[in-house]
Amino acid sequence: MMEIPLALSLEQEFSLKTYEQQVKGLNQDQAQGLLLEVLRQLMIKENVIKHLIAQIES
């Protein structure tokens, strides 16, 4: 069985801290817009992964 890494790498931790500092300066409308954009990008990423898996399986 494949073990899935759930921890962030050091580079990802640094990137997260950088984003955290940037987000603190946003107002509510900007933060909501950013959240929606991040969710949209995660959905696209999910679609790409599903497509790639389907390509491998066929």
Protein backbone atom coordinates (compact mmCIF):
# COMPACT_ATOMS: atom_id res chain seq x y z
CA MET A 1 0.00 0.00 0.00
CA MET A 2 1.28 3.48 -0.90
CA GLU A 3 1.90 5.88 1.98
CA ILE A 4 0.65 9.40 1.29
CA PRO A 5 2.75 12.22 2.78
CA LEU A 6 0.46 14.57 4.71
CA ALA A 7 3.13 16.92 6.05
CA LEU A 8 4.32 19.98 4.16
CA SER A 9 7.88 20.23 2.93
CA LEU A 10 10.11 22.97 4.32
CA GLU A 11 9.68 24.92 1.07
CA GLN A 12 5.88 24.62 1.34
CA GLU A 13 5.97 25.76 4.98
CA PHE A 14 7.96 28.84 3.95
CA SER A 15 5.55 29.56 1.10
CA LEU A 16 2.59 29.22 3.46
CA LYS A 17 4.15 31.72 5.89
CA THR A 18 4.71 34.16 3.03
CA TYR A 19 1.07 33.87 1.96
CA GLU A 20 -0.06 34.27 5.57
CA GLN A 21 1.75 37.60 5.81
CA GLN A 22 0.24 38.79 2.52
CA VAL A 23 -3.31 37.75 3.47
CA LYS A 24 -3.15 39.67 6.75
CA GLY A 25 -3.09 42.90 4.72
CA LEU A 26 -6.27 42.13 2.78
CA ASN A 27 -9.71 43.48 3.51
CA GLN A 28 -12.69 41.12 3.69
CA ASP A 29 -13.68 41.50 0.02
CA GLN A 30 -10.13 40.86 -1.15
CA ALA A 31 -9.81 37.85 1.15
CA GLN A 32 -13.09 36.38 -0.10
CA GLY A 33 -12.01 36.89 -3.71
CA LEU A 34 -8.68 35.21 -3.01
CA LEU A 35 -10.40 32.30 -1.27
CA LEU A 36 -12.69 31.74 -4.24
CA GLU A 37 -9.75 31.85 -6.65
CA VAL A 38 -7.80 29.33 -4.56
CA LEU A 39 -10.82 27.02 -4.46
CA ARG A 40 -11.24 27.36 -8.25
CA GLN A 41 -7.59 26.45 -8.78
CA LEU A 42 -7.89 23.44 -6.44
CA MET A 43 -10.90 22.22 -8.45
CA ILE A 44 -8.92 22.58 -11.68
CA LYS A 45 -6.02 20.67 -10.10
CA GLU A 46 -8.44 17.92 -9.08
CA ASN A 47 -9.78 17.74 -12.65
CA VAL A 48 -6.25 17.49 -14.07
CA ILE A 49 -5.34 14.70 -11.65
CA LYS A 50 -8.53 12.78 -12.47
CA HIS A 51 -7.81 13.20 -16.20
CA LEU A 52 -4.22 11.97 -15.82
CA ILE A 53 -5.34 8.95 -13.79
CA ALA A 54 -7.96 8.13 -16.42
CA GLN A 55 -5.26 8.35 -19.13
CA ILE A 56 -3.01 5.96 -17.20
CA GLU A 57 -5.84 3.48 -16.59
CA SER A 58 -6.99 3.37 -20.22
